[in-house]
């Protein structure tokens, strides 16, 4: 059965939350489909259906993520509370109705960003690309240390929010010359895998939580092959419980 965007969205929210109440999910889908037919469905109503947005409390709001390599002992010696944070990134989280699953900073993105900060010396003089970036936390953090940064996703609405976040963190009114935002659709790259379409290749390719289905387990390895230089390195963070992750690992090997 082919699912509508609303059905897929609801399913993913319950799947990501580990909610096994399938009947409740199907009831929500049925109600929402009726609202769609009646023409009474609104963006606010769609947002209300997505449990994550209500629990997170960060819908259409700015959040702050801080990074440090220092320990609690260092903070204690400096007589401060908590850790001594050296770098802070501000991220505007959108709404599901506007940017889909790219609306928020997912845990995998935070983990990847921590890796970026801990290994920022590896980015010096390099071209870094974060694909399927969503809110682009890792990519924006990388842009402070890389020679050039490319940040991509597949929908204009997502890139609009990414641009807002880039400007927010770099304190400027237009994109810095070393940062490029790009529309890249995994499916289109996969469909044209035999073509000679030139893609700008990078030294370091970053991705977090970009595999959550068997189709993506096929698409993403091809995308990596097309976007990465021959001697480049891919760094990805993905939850083990996502559909397709095991298949992705097999395909990429």
Protein backbone atom coordinates (compact mmCIF):
# COMPACT_ATOMS: atom_id res chain seq x y z
CA UNK A 1 0.00 0.00 0.00
CA UNK A 2 1.35 3.40 -0.93
CA UNK A 3 1.38 5.81 2.00
CA UNK A 4 0.61 9.50 1.86
CA UNK A 5 3.13 11.99 3.28
CA UNK A 6 0.91 12.38 6.35
CA UNK A 7 0.78 8.62 6.95
CA UNK A 8 4.53 8.27 6.55
CA UNK A 9 5.11 11.22 8.87
CA UNK A 10 2.89 9.80 11.58
CA UNK A 11 4.43 6.36 11.24
CA UNK A 12 7.96 7.71 11.49
CA UNK A 13 7.14 9.70 14.61
CA UNK A 14 5.76 6.64 16.36
CA UNK A 15 8.57 4.44 15.08
CA UNK A 16 11.26 6.89 16.25
CA UNK A 17 9.61 7.15 19.67
CA UNK A 18 9.38 3.37 20.02
CA UNK A 19 5.60 3.55 20.38
CA UNK A 20 4.06 0.19 19.62
CA UNK A 21 0.44 1.39 19.71
CA UNK A 22 -0.32 0.77 16.05
CA UNK A 23 -4.09 1.14 16.48
CA UNK A 24 -3.69 4.64 17.91
CA UNK A 25 -1.45 5.60 15.01
CA UNK A 26 -3.94 4.29 12.44
CA UNK A 27 -6.77 6.19 14.16
CA UNK A 28 -4.75 9.40 13.85
CA UNK A 29 -4.08 8.68 10.18
CA UNK A 30 -7.77 8.03 9.52
CA UNK A 31 -8.79 11.26 11.27
CA UNK A 32 -6.19 13.28 9.41
CA UNK A 33 -7.15 11.81 6.03
CA UNK A 34 -10.75 12.83 6.73
CA UNK A 35 -9.58 16.34 7.61
CA UNK A 36 -7.63 16.47 4.35
CA UNK A 37 -10.74 15.44 2.39
CA UNK A 38 -12.87 18.03 4.21
CA UNK A 39 -10.24 20.70 3.64
CA UNK A 40 -10.02 21.41 7.38
CA UNK A 41 -6.43 20.25 7.93
CA UNK A 42 -3.98 23.03 8.80
CA UNK A 43 -0.22 23.26 9.29
CA UNK A 44 -0.80 23.84 13.02
CA UNK A 45 -2.88 20.67 13.21
CA UNK A 46 -0.21 18.66 11.43
CA UNK A 47 2.40 19.93 13.89
CA UNK A 48 0.15 19.03 16.81
CA UNK A 49 0.01 15.40 15.64
CA UNK A 50 3.77 14.99 15.87
CA UNK A 51 4.55 13.88 19.39
CA UNK A 52 8.23 14.86 19.21
CA UNK A 53 7.43 18.52 18.69
CA UNK A 54 5.27 18.72 21.82
CA UNK A 55 7.80 16.83 23.94
CA UNK A 56 10.87 18.75 22.76
CA UNK A 57 9.45 22.22 23.38
CA UNK A 58 11.66 23.63 20.66
CA UNK A 59 9.22 24.12 17.80
CA UNK A 60 9.98 27.24 15.74
CA UNK A 61 12.48 28.29 18.41
CA UNK A 62 16.20 28.84 18.74
CA UNK A 63 18.22 26.38 20.80
CA UNK A 64 21.86 26.48 21.88
CA UNK A 65 24.34 23.58 21.70
CA UNK A 66 27.66 24.02 23.48
CA UNK A 67 30.94 22.18 22.90
CA UNK A 68 34.07 21.64 24.96
CA UNK A 69 37.09 19.39 25.21
CA UNK A 70 37.60 20.26 28.87
CA UNK A 71 36.58 18.05 31.79
CA UNK A 72 34.55 18.76 34.90
CA UNK A 73 37.84 18.77 36.84
CA UNK A 74 39.00 21.73 34.77
CA UNK A 75 35.82 23.58 35.66
CA UNK A 76 36.30 22.76 39.32
CA UNK A 77 39.82 24.15 39.28
CA UNK A 78 38.47 27.31 37.66
CA UNK A 79 35.73 27.41 40.34
CA UNK A 80 32.87 27.44 37.85
CA UNK A 81 29.70 25.38 37.74
CA UNK A 82 29.53 22.70 35.08
CA UNK A 83 31.91 22.50 32.14
CA UNK A 84 33.87 25.31 30.53
CA UNK A 85 32.27 25.53 27.10
CA UNK A 86 34.53 26.87 24.38
CA UNK A 87 32.13 26.98 21.41
CA UNK A 88 28.39 27.53 21.16
CA UNK A 89 26.17 27.04 18.12
CA UNK A 90 22.65 28.47 17.88
CA UNK A 91 20.11 26.54 15.84
CA UNK A 92 16.63 27.60 14.79
CA UNK A 93 14.38 24.55 14.83
CA UNK A 94 11.55 24.75 12.29
CA UNK A 95 8.17 22.99 12.17
CA UNK A 96 7.43 19.52 10.83
CA UNK A 97 4.74 20.96 8.56
CA UNK A 98 7.39 23.10 6.87
CA UNK A 99 10.55 20.97 6.72
CA UNK A 100 9.46 17.43 7.63
CA UNK A 101 11.93 15.35 9.61
CA UNK A 102 14.55 18.08 9.11
CA UNK A 103 12.68 20.34 11.54
CA UNK A 104 14.84 19.54 14.62
CA UNK A 105 18.34 18.63 15.75
CA UNK A 106 18.35 14.85 16.11
CA UNK A 107 20.62 13.08 18.60
CA UNK A 108 22.80 11.70 15.81
CA UNK A 109 23.50 15.23 14.63
CA UNK A 110 24.64 16.24 18.10
CA UNK A 111 26.95 13.22 18.32
CA UNK A 112 28.44 13.99 14.90
CA UNK A 113 28.91 17.64 15.87
CA UNK A 114 30.78 16.56 19.00
CA UNK A 115 33.08 14.51 16.78
CA UNK A 116 33.62 17.53 14.51
CA UNK A 117 34.60 19.71 17.46
CA UNK A 118 36.92 17.10 18.96
CA UNK A 119 38.63 16.58 15.58
CA UNK A 120 38.45 20.09 14.14
CA UNK A 121 42.17 19.97 13.27
CA UNK A 122 41.32 17.32 10.62
CA UNK A 123 39.16 19.87 8.79
CA UNK A 124 41.87 22.48 8.29
CA UNK A 125 42.54 23.13 4.61
CA UNK A 126 39.78 20.70 3.61
CA UNK A 127 36.49 20.90 1.73
CA UNK A 128 33.80 19.50 4.05
CA UNK A 129 30.28 18.58 2.94
CA UNK A 130 27.36 17.75 5.22
CA UNK A 131 24.69 15.97 3.17
CA UNK A 132 21.08 15.48 4.26
CA UNK A 133 21.91 18.17 6.77
CA UNK A 134 18.51 19.06 8.25
CA UNK A 135 19.22 21.89 10.70
CA UNK A 136 22.93 21.54 9.79
CA UNK A 137 24.48 21.59 13.26
CA UNK A 138 27.61 19.57 12.25
CA UNK A 139 28.02 21.45 8.97
CA UNK A 140 27.75 24.89 10.57
CA UNK A 141 30.23 23.91 13.28
CA UNK A 142 32.61 22.54 10.62
CA UNK A 143 32.41 25.81 8.69
CA UNK A 144 34.44 27.55 11.41
CA UNK A 145 37.41 25.22 10.84
CA UNK A 146 37.28 23.94 7.24
CA UNK A 147 38.67 25.82 4.27
CA UNK A 148 35.35 25.37 2.47
CA UNK A 149 32.00 23.98 3.58
CA UNK A 150 29.10 22.63 1.53
CA UNK A 151 25.78 21.99 3.25
CA UNK A 152 23.02 20.20 1.35
CA UNK A 153 19.51 18.81 1.58
CA UNK A 154 16.77 18.04 -0.89
CA UNK A 155 14.07 20.68 -0.27
CA UNK A 156 14.24 24.49 -0.65
CA UNK A 157 12.40 24.95 2.66
CA UNK A 158 15.13 23.05 4.47
CA UNK A 159 17.87 25.13 2.82
CA UNK A 160 16.05 28.31 3.85
CA UNK A 161 16.25 27.25 7.49
CA UNK A 162 19.89 26.22 7.07
CA UNK A 163 20.71 29.64 5.63
CA UNK A 164 19.01 31.26 8.61
CA UNK A 165 21.18 29.17 10.94
CA UNK A 166 24.40 29.94 9.04
CA UNK A 167 23.74 33.68 9.20
CA UNK A 168 22.78 33.42 12.85
CA UNK A 169 26.07 31.81 13.84
CA UNK A 170 28.39 33.77 11.57
CA UNK A 171 26.77 37.08 12.47
CA UNK A 172 26.34 38.24 8.88
CA UNK A 173 23.57 39.22 6.46
CA UNK A 174 24.69 37.03 3.57
CA UNK A 175 26.45 33.68 3.26
CA UNK A 176 30.21 33.76 3.91
CA UNK A 177 32.19 33.10 0.69
CA UNK A 178 33.52 29.77 2.01
CA UNK A 179 30.03 28.31 2.60
CA UNK A 180 27.81 26.89 -0.16
CA UNK A 181 24.24 25.64 0.24
CA UNK A 182 23.16 23.06 -2.32
CA UNK A 183 19.97 21.19 -3.27
CA UNK A 184 20.89 17.51 -3.49
CA UNK A 185 18.30 14.76 -3.81
CA UNK A 186 19.56 11.25 -2.97
CA UNK A 187 16.92 9.58 -5.14
CA UNK A 188 17.83 11.62 -8.22
CA UNK A 189 21.53 10.81 -7.79
CA UNK A 190 20.69 7.11 -7.47
CA UNK A 191 18.47 7.19 -10.57
CA UNK A 192 21.27 8.85 -12.56
CA UNK A 193 24.10 6.75 -11.12
CA UNK A 194 25.27 5.64 -14.57
CA UNK A 195 25.44 9.19 -15.93
CA UNK A 196 28.47 11.48 -16.03
CA UNK A 197 26.78 14.32 -14.15
CA UNK A 198 29.60 16.23 -12.42
CA UNK A 199 29.20 16.70 -8.68
CA UNK A 200 31.61 18.77 -6.64
CA UNK A 201 33.62 16.31 -4.61
CA UNK A 202 34.81 16.87 -1.07
CA UNK A 203 37.63 15.72 1.21
CA UNK A 204 35.36 14.97 4.16
CA UNK A 205 31.69 13.97 3.86
CA UNK A 206 29.48 14.17 6.95
CA UNK A 207 26.02 12.66 7.49
CA UNK A 208 23.80 11.86 10.46
CA UNK A 209 20.60 9.81 10.55
CA UNK A 210 20.28 9.69 6.75
CA UNK A 211 19.33 5.99 6.59
CA UNK A 212 15.88 5.08 7.93
CA UNK A 213 14.59 2.72 5.24
CA UNK A 214 15.74 0.02 2.83
CA UNK A 215 15.57 2.42 -0.12
CA UNK A 216 18.06 4.74 1.56
CA UNK A 217 20.35 1.79 2.27
CA UNK A 218 20.66 1.56 -1.53
CA UNK A 219 20.72 5.27 -2.33
CA UNK A 220 23.18 6.61 0.23
CA UNK A 221 26.25 4.49 -0.77
CA UNK A 222 25.86 5.77 -4.36
CA UNK A 223 25.57 9.35 -3.09
CA UNK A 224 28.74 8.92 -1.04
CA UNK A 225 30.56 7.58 -4.11
CA UNK A 226 29.45 10.57 -6.20
CA UNK A 227 30.24 13.30 -3.65
CA UNK A 228 33.51 12.08 -2.14
CA UNK A 229 36.99 12.40 -3.60
CA UNK A 230 38.86 9.15 -4.22
CA UNK A 231 41.02 9.74 -1.15
CA UNK A 232 38.19 11.34 0.84
CA UNK A 233 36.67 10.07 4.08
CA UNK A 234 33.01 9.61 5.04
CA UNK A 235 31.97 10.08 8.67
CA UNK A 236 28.42 9.06 9.52
CA UNK A 237 26.37 8.61 12.68
CA UNK A 238 23.18 6.53 12.58
CA UNK A 239 21.06 4.88 15.30
CA UNK A 240 21.18 1.09 15.26
CA UNK A 241 17.38 0.81 15.46
CA UNK A 242 16.71 2.52 12.11
CA UNK A 243 15.41 0.34 9.30
CA UNK A 244 18.07 -0.20 6.66
CA UNK A 245 21.18 0.61 8.70
CA UNK A 246 22.48 -2.99 8.66
CA UNK A 247 21.84 -3.19 4.91
CA UNK A 248 23.56 0.17 4.41
CA UNK A 249 26.68 -1.08 6.17
CA UNK A 250 26.72 -4.20 3.96
CA UNK A 251 26.23 -2.13 0.80
CA UNK A 252 28.93 0.37 1.65
CA UNK A 253 31.46 -2.37 2.37
